[in-house]
């Protein structure tokens, strides 16, 4: 897993890092570890469990998109 850190164009703006992973990363990285390194829990009204649930769901969709359509059924 690698992060491409690009300098923001403006002084005060949102900065979106590009995270690069290999397909094998899905077998070696847990959702908890990834979530922690990407900022983790925020106190925006949702509980830790709710935020982790949505993160895990989005991460599963990401892995499915990475390996290709119907590949999860084959596996």
C-alpha atoms as a PDB file:
ATOM      1  CA  UNK A   1       0.000   0.000   0.000  1.00  0.00           C
ATOM      2  CA  UNK A   2       1.402   3.391  -0.966  1.00  0.00           C
ATOM      3  CA  UNK A   3       0.134   6.950  -0.768  1.00  0.00           C
ATOM      4  CA  UNK A   4       0.912   9.437  -3.513  1.00  0.00           C
ATOM      5  CA  UNK A   5       1.181  12.748  -1.731  1.00  0.00           C
ATOM      6  CA  UNK A   6       0.580  15.675  -4.088  1.00  0.00           C
ATOM      7  CA  UNK A   7       0.933  19.291  -3.004  1.00  0.00           C
ATOM      8  CA  UNK A   8      -2.432  21.084  -2.871  1.00  0.00           C
ATOM      9  CA  UNK A   9      -2.924  23.872  -5.434  1.00  0.00           C
ATOM     10  CA  UNK A  10      -4.463  26.293  -2.909  1.00  0.00           C
ATOM     11  CA  UNK A  11      -3.388  27.013   0.641  1.00  0.00           C
ATOM     12  CA  UNK A  12      -6.684  26.099   2.325  1.00  0.00           C
ATOM     13  CA  UNK A  13      -8.486  23.320   0.515  1.00  0.00           C
ATOM     14  CA  UNK A  14      -9.341  19.662   0.948  1.00  0.00           C
ATOM     15  CA  UNK A  15      -6.476  17.376   0.127  1.00  0.00           C
ATOM     16  CA  UNK A  16      -7.260  13.992  -1.397  1.00  0.00           C
ATOM     17  CA  UNK A  17      -4.413  11.505  -1.264  1.00  0.00           C
ATOM     18  CA  UNK A  18      -4.242   8.752  -3.860  1.00  0.00           C
ATOM     19  CA  UNK A  19      -3.792   5.342  -2.236  1.00  0.00           C
ATOM     20  CA  UNK A  20      -2.276   2.636  -4.433  1.00  0.00           C
ATOM     21  CA  UNK A  21      -2.713  -1.038  -3.564  1.00  0.00           C
ATOM     22  CA  UNK A  22      -2.062  -4.350  -5.226  1.00  0.00           C
ATOM     23  CA  UNK A  23      -4.936  -6.856  -5.518  1.00  0.00           C
ATOM     24  CA  UNK A  24      -3.183  -9.112  -2.975  1.00  0.00           C
ATOM     25  CA  UNK A  25      -3.616  -6.387  -0.356  1.00  0.00           C
ATOM     26  CA  UNK A  26      -7.165  -7.590   0.304  1.00  0.00           C
ATOM     27  CA  UNK A  27      -5.702 -10.755   1.863  1.00  0.00           C
ATOM     28  CA  UNK A  28      -3.144  -8.958   4.030  1.00  0.00           C
ATOM     29  CA  UNK A  29      -4.823  -5.737   5.187  1.00  0.00           C
ATOM     30  CA  UNK A  30      -7.754  -5.597   7.591  1.00  0.00           C
ATOM     31  CA  UNK A  31     -10.433  -2.942   7.509  1.00  0.00           C
ATOM     32  CA  UNK A  32      -9.413  -1.778  11.008  1.00  0.00           C
ATOM     33  CA  UNK A  33      -5.811  -1.192   9.927  1.00  0.00           C
ATOM     34  CA  UNK A  34      -6.749   0.669   6.753  1.00  0.00           C
ATOM     35  CA  UNK A  35      -9.371   2.775   8.520  1.00  0.00           C
ATOM     36  CA  UNK A  36      -6.893   3.748  11.247  1.00  0.00           C
ATOM     37  CA  UNK A  37      -4.278   4.921   8.720  1.00  0.00           C
ATOM     38  CA  UNK A  38      -6.849   6.865   6.704  1.00  0.00           C
ATOM     39  CA  UNK A  39      -8.043   8.916   9.651  1.00  0.00           C
ATOM     40  CA  UNK A  40     -10.283   6.528  11.563  1.00  0.00           C
ATOM     41  CA  UNK A  41     -13.185   7.443  13.790  1.00  0.00           C
ATOM     42  CA  UNK A  42     -14.621  10.948  13.745  1.00  0.00           C
ATOM     43  CA  UNK A  43     -17.055  12.385  16.250  1.00  0.00           C
ATOM     44  CA  UNK A  44     -19.783  13.365  13.790  1.00  0.00           C
ATOM     45  CA  UNK A  45     -22.722  11.812  15.634  1.00  0.00           C
ATOM     46  CA  UNK A  46     -22.403   8.211  14.434  1.00  0.00           C
ATOM     47  CA  UNK A  47     -21.024   5.554  16.751  1.00  0.00           C
ATOM     48  CA  UNK A  48     -17.687   3.844  16.181  1.00  0.00           C
ATOM     49  CA  UNK A  49     -19.485   0.636  15.191  1.00  0.00           C
ATOM     50  CA  UNK A  50     -21.696   2.430  12.647  1.00  0.00           C
ATOM     51  CA  UNK A  51     -18.741   4.197  11.028  1.00  0.00           C
ATOM     52  CA  UNK A  52     -16.731   0.961  10.930  1.00  0.00           C
ATOM     53  CA  UNK A  53     -19.688  -0.882   9.368  1.00  0.00           C
ATOM     54  CA  UNK A  54     -19.974   1.662   6.543  1.00  0.00           C
ATOM     55  CA  UNK A  55     -16.217   1.713   6.029  1.00  0.00           C
ATOM     56  CA  UNK A  56     -16.102  -2.100   5.789  1.00  0.00           C
ATOM     57  CA  UNK A  57     -18.998  -2.091   3.335  1.00  0.00           C
ATOM     58  CA  UNK A  58     -17.299   0.523   1.126  1.00  0.00           C
ATOM     59  CA  UNK A  59     -13.996  -1.337   1.376  1.00  0.00           C
ATOM     60  CA  UNK A  60     -15.665  -4.579   0.230  1.00  0.00           C
ATOM     61  CA  UNK A  61     -17.102  -2.732  -2.766  1.00  0.00           C
ATOM     62  CA  UNK A  62     -13.635  -1.332  -3.514  1.00  0.00           C
ATOM     63  CA  UNK A  63     -12.040  -4.812  -3.465  1.00  0.00           C
ATOM     64  CA  UNK A  64     -14.830  -6.120  -5.719  1.00  0.00           C
ATOM     65  CA  UNK A  65     -14.254  -3.292  -8.208  1.00  0.00           C
ATOM     66  CA  UNK A  66     -10.517  -3.936  -8.123  1.00  0.00           C
ATOM     67  CA  UNK A  67     -10.698  -7.635  -8.987  1.00  0.00           C
ATOM     68  CA  UNK A  68     -13.372  -7.237 -11.640  1.00  0.00           C
ATOM     69  CA  UNK A  69     -17.009  -8.102 -12.243  1.00  0.00           C
ATOM     70  CA  UNK A  70     -18.262 -11.548 -11.174  1.00  0.00           C
ATOM     71  CA  UNK A  71     -14.849 -12.479  -9.782  1.00  0.00           C
ATOM     72  CA  UNK A  72     -16.187 -12.611  -6.207  1.00  0.00           C
ATOM     73  CA  UNK A  73     -18.737 -15.233  -7.327  1.00  0.00           C
ATOM     74  CA  UNK A  74     -15.976 -17.313  -8.886  1.00  0.00           C
ATOM     75  CA  UNK A  75     -13.841 -17.110  -5.765  1.00  0.00           C
END
